[in-house]
Amino acid sequence: MPFYQGLNYGGSEWTPQFIKEIDQELCIGCGRCVKVCSQAALGFGNLNDDEDADRMQSKIDQKENCIGCMACGKTCVKRAISFEAKAI
């Protein structure tokens, strides 16, 4: 199955890895991924944890805006974001 491919500045082939999901068990709500996303694909959401205290977590807001740069995953200290290549 063929996947979307592009070329980097040096001319090498590159396969974008698009955001698949955010593991809510791992996410600590630091917001680094939201801040680094230039396409506004990520946002914040409230999550009620076991102690009934509201806390913020990252969530996928507009998956269709993701360009596959993986910047969010590179800034995630907990590695809570998973990616996948998109088939053509």
N, C-alpha and C. Protein backbone atom coordinates (compact mmCIF):
# COMPACT_ATOMS: atom_id res chain seq x y z
N MET A 1 0.83 -1.16 0.00
CA MET A 1 0.00 0.00 0.00
C MET A 1 0.89 1.25 0.00
N PRO A 2 0.71 2.15 -0.95
CA PRO A 2 1.52 3.36 -1.02
C PRO A 2 1.07 4.41 0.02
N PHE A 3 2.05 5.15 0.53
CA PHE A 3 1.78 6.20 1.50
C PHE A 3 2.15 7.55 0.91
N TYR A 4 1.58 8.61 1.50
CA TYR A 4 1.98 9.96 1.11
C TYR A 4 3.47 10.09 1.29
N GLN A 5 4.15 10.70 0.33
CA GLN A 5 5.58 10.92 0.42
C GLN A 5 5.88 12.34 -0.04
N GLY A 6 6.93 12.86 0.47
CA GLY A 6 7.39 14.18 0.07
C GLY A 6 8.90 14.18 -0.01
N LEU A 7 9.46 15.33 -0.30
CA LEU A 7 10.90 15.50 -0.34
C LEU A 7 11.30 16.54 0.69
N ASN A 8 12.41 16.28 1.38
CA ASN A 8 12.91 17.30 2.29
C ASN A 8 13.73 18.30 1.49
N TYR A 9 14.28 19.28 2.15
CA TYR A 9 15.03 20.34 1.46
C TYR A 9 16.21 19.78 0.68
N GLY A 10 16.83 18.74 1.21
CA GLY A 10 17.98 18.13 0.54
C GLY A 10 17.62 17.21 -0.60
N GLY A 11 16.32 16.96 -0.81
CA GLY A 11 15.88 16.11 -1.91
C GLY A 11 15.63 14.66 -1.54
N SER A 12 15.84 14.31 -0.27
CA SER A 12 15.58 12.94 0.17
C SER A 12 14.09 12.72 0.38
N GLU A 13 13.64 11.50 0.11
CA GLU A 13 12.23 11.18 0.32
C GLU A 13 11.91 11.17 1.81
N TRP A 14 10.70 11.57 2.12
CA TRP A 14 10.24 11.66 3.49
C TRP A 14 8.78 11.25 3.55
N THR A 15 8.43 10.38 4.50
CA THR A 15 7.05 9.95 4.69
C THR A 15 6.50 10.63 5.94
N PRO A 16 5.54 11.55 5.79
CA PRO A 16 4.97 12.21 6.95
C PRO A 16 4.26 11.21 7.86
N GLN A 17 4.38 11.41 9.15
CA GLN A 17 3.72 10.57 10.14
C GLN A 17 2.66 11.43 10.82
N PHE A 18 1.41 11.15 10.55
CA PHE A 18 0.29 11.95 11.06
C PHE A 18 -0.13 11.47 12.44
N ILE A 19 -0.66 12.39 13.23
CA ILE A 19 -1.07 12.07 14.60
C ILE A 19 -2.19 11.03 14.58
N LYS A 20 -2.02 10.02 15.40
CA LYS A 20 -3.00 8.94 15.49
C LYS A 20 -3.84 9.09 16.76
N GLU A 21 -3.16 9.17 17.91
CA GLU A 21 -3.88 9.35 19.17
C GLU A 21 -2.95 9.85 20.25
N ILE A 22 -3.56 10.35 21.32
CA ILE A 22 -2.83 10.76 22.51
C ILE A 22 -3.24 9.83 23.63
N ASP A 23 -2.27 9.18 24.23
CA ASP A 23 -2.54 8.26 25.33
C ASP A 23 -2.84 9.08 26.59
N GLN A 24 -4.09 9.11 26.99
CA GLN A 24 -4.52 9.93 28.12
C GLN A 24 -3.95 9.42 29.45
N GLU A 25 -3.51 8.18 29.49
CA GLU A 25 -2.88 7.65 30.70
C GLU A 25 -1.48 8.24 30.88
N LEU A 26 -0.82 8.55 29.77
CA LEU A 26 0.55 9.08 29.83
C LEU A 26 0.60 10.61 29.85
N CYS A 27 -0.37 11.26 29.23
CA CYS A 27 -0.37 12.72 29.11
C CYS A 27 -0.45 13.38 30.48
N ILE A 28 0.45 14.33 30.73
CA ILE A 28 0.46 15.05 32.01
C ILE A 28 -0.10 16.47 31.87
N GLY A 29 -0.52 16.84 30.67
CA GLY A 29 -1.15 18.14 30.46
C GLY A 29 -0.19 19.32 30.48
N CYS A 30 1.06 19.11 30.13
CA CYS A 30 2.05 20.19 30.16
C CYS A 30 1.81 21.23 29.06
N GLY A 31 1.19 20.81 27.95
CA GLY A 31 0.85 21.72 26.87
C GLY A 31 1.94 22.00 25.87
N ARG A 32 3.07 21.33 25.99
CA ARG A 32 4.15 21.56 25.03
C ARG A 32 3.73 21.23 23.61
N CYS A 33 3.01 20.14 23.45
CA CYS A 33 2.58 19.72 22.11
C CYS A 33 1.62 20.73 21.50
N VAL A 34 0.73 21.27 22.32
CA VAL A 34 -0.25 22.26 21.83
C VAL A 34 0.47 23.52 21.38
N LYS A 35 1.46 23.95 22.14
CA LYS A 35 2.19 25.18 21.82
C LYS A 35 3.03 25.04 20.55
N VAL A 36 3.59 23.85 20.30
CA VAL A 36 4.49 23.68 19.17
C VAL A 36 3.74 23.40 17.86
N CYS A 37 2.48 23.01 17.93
CA CYS A 37 1.72 22.68 16.72
C CYS A 37 1.37 23.95 15.94
N SER A 38 1.97 24.10 14.78
CA SER A 38 1.75 25.31 13.97
C SER A 38 0.43 25.26 13.21
N GLN A 39 -0.25 24.13 13.22
CA GLN A 39 -1.48 23.96 12.45
C GLN A 39 -2.74 23.89 13.31
N ALA A 40 -2.62 24.09 14.61
CA ALA A 40 -3.74 24.06 15.56
C ALA A 40 -4.51 22.74 15.50
N ALA A 41 -3.78 21.65 15.35
CA ALA A 41 -4.41 20.33 15.34
C ALA A 41 -4.68 19.84 16.75
N LEU A 42 -3.98 20.40 17.74
CA LEU A 42 -4.12 19.97 19.13
C LEU A 42 -4.70 21.08 19.98
N GLY A 43 -5.32 20.70 21.10
CA GLY A 43 -5.88 21.66 22.04
C GLY A 43 -5.88 21.07 23.43
N PHE A 44 -6.58 21.74 24.34
CA PHE A 44 -6.69 21.27 25.72
C PHE A 44 -8.11 20.83 26.01
N GLY A 45 -8.24 19.88 26.92
CA GLY A 45 -9.54 19.44 27.37
C GLY A 45 -9.48 19.12 28.85
N ASN A 46 -10.61 19.20 29.54
CA ASN A 46 -10.67 18.84 30.96
C ASN A 46 -10.81 17.34 31.09
N LEU A 47 -10.21 16.82 32.12
CA LEU A 47 -10.31 15.40 32.41
C LEU A 47 -10.54 15.24 33.91
N ASN A 48 -11.59 14.54 34.28
CA ASN A 48 -11.80 14.24 35.69
C ASN A 48 -11.00 13.00 36.04
N ASP A 49 -10.03 13.16 36.92
CA ASP A 49 -9.26 12.00 37.34
C ASP A 49 -9.93 11.35 38.55
N ASP A 50 -9.30 10.36 39.12
CA ASP A 50 -9.90 9.59 40.21
C ASP A 50 -10.23 10.41 41.45
N GLU A 51 -9.54 11.51 41.66
CA GLU A 51 -9.77 12.33 42.84
C GLU A 51 -10.80 13.42 42.60
N ASP A 52 -11.51 13.37 41.48
CA ASP A 52 -12.53 14.35 41.12
C ASP A 52 -11.99 15.77 40.96
N ALA A 53 -10.72 15.91 40.79
CA ALA A 53 -10.14 17.23 40.53
C ALA A 53 -10.03 17.42 39.03
N ASP A 54 -10.47 18.55 38.55
CA ASP A 54 -10.34 18.82 37.12
C ASP A 54 -8.87 19.07 36.79
N ARG A 55 -8.43 18.46 35.73
CA ARG A 55 -7.09 18.75 35.24
C ARG A 55 -7.13 18.79 33.73
N MET A 56 -6.21 19.52 33.17
CA MET A 56 -6.15 19.70 31.73
C MET A 56 -5.29 18.61 31.11
N GLN A 57 -5.69 18.18 29.92
CA GLN A 57 -4.90 17.25 29.13
C GLN A 57 -4.95 17.68 27.68
N SER A 58 -3.93 17.30 26.95
CA SER A 58 -3.92 17.58 25.53
C SER A 58 -4.90 16.67 24.83
N LYS A 59 -5.48 17.17 23.75
CA LYS A 59 -6.40 16.36 22.95
C LYS A 59 -6.27 16.75 21.50
N ILE A 60 -6.73 15.88 20.64
CA ILE A 60 -6.72 16.16 19.21
C ILE A 60 -7.95 16.99 18.90
N ASP A 61 -7.74 18.24 18.47
CA ASP A 61 -8.85 19.13 18.14
C ASP A 61 -9.29 18.98 16.70
N GLN A 62 -8.35 19.15 15.80
CA GLN A 62 -8.66 19.12 14.37
C GLN A 62 -7.62 18.25 13.66
N LYS A 63 -7.87 16.96 13.70
CA LYS A 63 -6.94 15.99 13.12
C LYS A 63 -6.66 16.28 11.65
N GLU A 64 -7.65 16.81 10.96
CA GLU A 64 -7.49 17.09 9.53
C GLU A 64 -6.47 18.19 9.26
N ASN A 65 -6.08 18.96 10.28
CA ASN A 65 -5.07 20.01 10.12
C ASN A 65 -3.64 19.50 10.22
N CYS A 66 -3.46 18.29 10.71
CA CYS A 66 -2.12 17.73 10.92
C CYS A 66 -1.39 17.60 9.58
N ILE A 67 -0.13 18.08 9.56
CA ILE A 67 0.67 18.00 8.34
C ILE A 67 1.75 16.91 8.41
N GLY A 68 1.80 16.20 9.53
CA GLY A 68 2.72 15.07 9.65
C GLY A 68 4.14 15.42 10.01
N CYS A 69 4.36 16.57 10.63
CA CYS A 69 5.72 17.00 10.97
C CYS A 69 6.25 16.33 12.24
N MET A 70 5.39 15.81 13.08
CA MET A 70 5.72 15.13 14.33
C MET A 70 6.38 16.04 15.37
N ALA A 71 6.25 17.35 15.23
CA ALA A 71 6.84 18.27 16.21
C ALA A 71 6.23 18.04 17.59
N CYS A 72 4.95 17.74 17.63
CA CYS A 72 4.28 17.52 18.93
C CYS A 72 4.88 16.31 19.64
N GLY A 73 5.14 15.26 18.92
CA GLY A 73 5.71 14.05 19.50
C GLY A 73 7.14 14.23 19.96
N LYS A 74 7.86 15.10 19.27
CA LYS A 74 9.25 15.34 19.64
C LYS A 74 9.35 16.16 20.92
N THR A 75 8.33 16.95 21.23
CA THR A 75 8.36 17.76 22.45
C THR A 75 7.70 17.06 23.63
N CYS A 76 7.00 15.97 23.39
CA CYS A 76 6.29 15.27 24.47
C CYS A 76 7.27 14.48 25.34
N VAL A 77 7.41 14.91 26.60
CA VAL A 77 8.36 14.25 27.50
C VAL A 77 7.89 12.86 27.92
N LYS A 78 6.61 12.58 27.82
CA LYS A 78 6.06 11.28 28.21
C LYS A 78 5.84 10.35 27.02
N ARG A 79 6.12 10.82 25.81
CA ARG A 79 5.91 10.03 24.59
C ARG A 79 4.48 9.50 24.52
N ALA A 80 3.53 10.38 24.78
CA ALA A 80 2.12 10.00 24.84
C ALA A 80 1.44 10.05 23.47
N ILE A 81 2.11 10.57 22.45
CA ILE A 81 1.48 10.75 21.15
C ILE A 81 1.99 9.68 20.19
N SER A 82 1.05 9.03 19.51
CA SER A 82 1.42 8.03 18.52
C SER A 82 1.06 8.54 17.13
N PHE A 83 1.79 8.03 16.15
CA PHE A 83 1.66 8.51 14.76
C PHE A 83 1.50 7.33 13.82
N GLU A 84 1.02 7.65 12.62
CA GLU A 84 0.92 6.66 11.55
C GLU A 84 1.02 7.34 10.20
N ALA A 85 1.57 6.62 9.23
CA ALA A 85 1.61 7.11 7.86
C ALA A 85 0.21 7.00 7.27
N LYS A 86 -0.10 7.87 6.34
CA LYS A 86 -1.44 7.86 5.73
C LYS A 86 -1.34 7.29 4.33
N ALA A 87 -2.19 6.31 4.06
CA ALA A 87 -2.22 5.69 2.74
C ALA A 87 -2.84 6.65 1.72
N ILE A 88 -2.38 6.53 0.51
CA ILE A 88 -2.92 7.36 -0.58
C ILE A 88 -4.25 6.81 -1.01
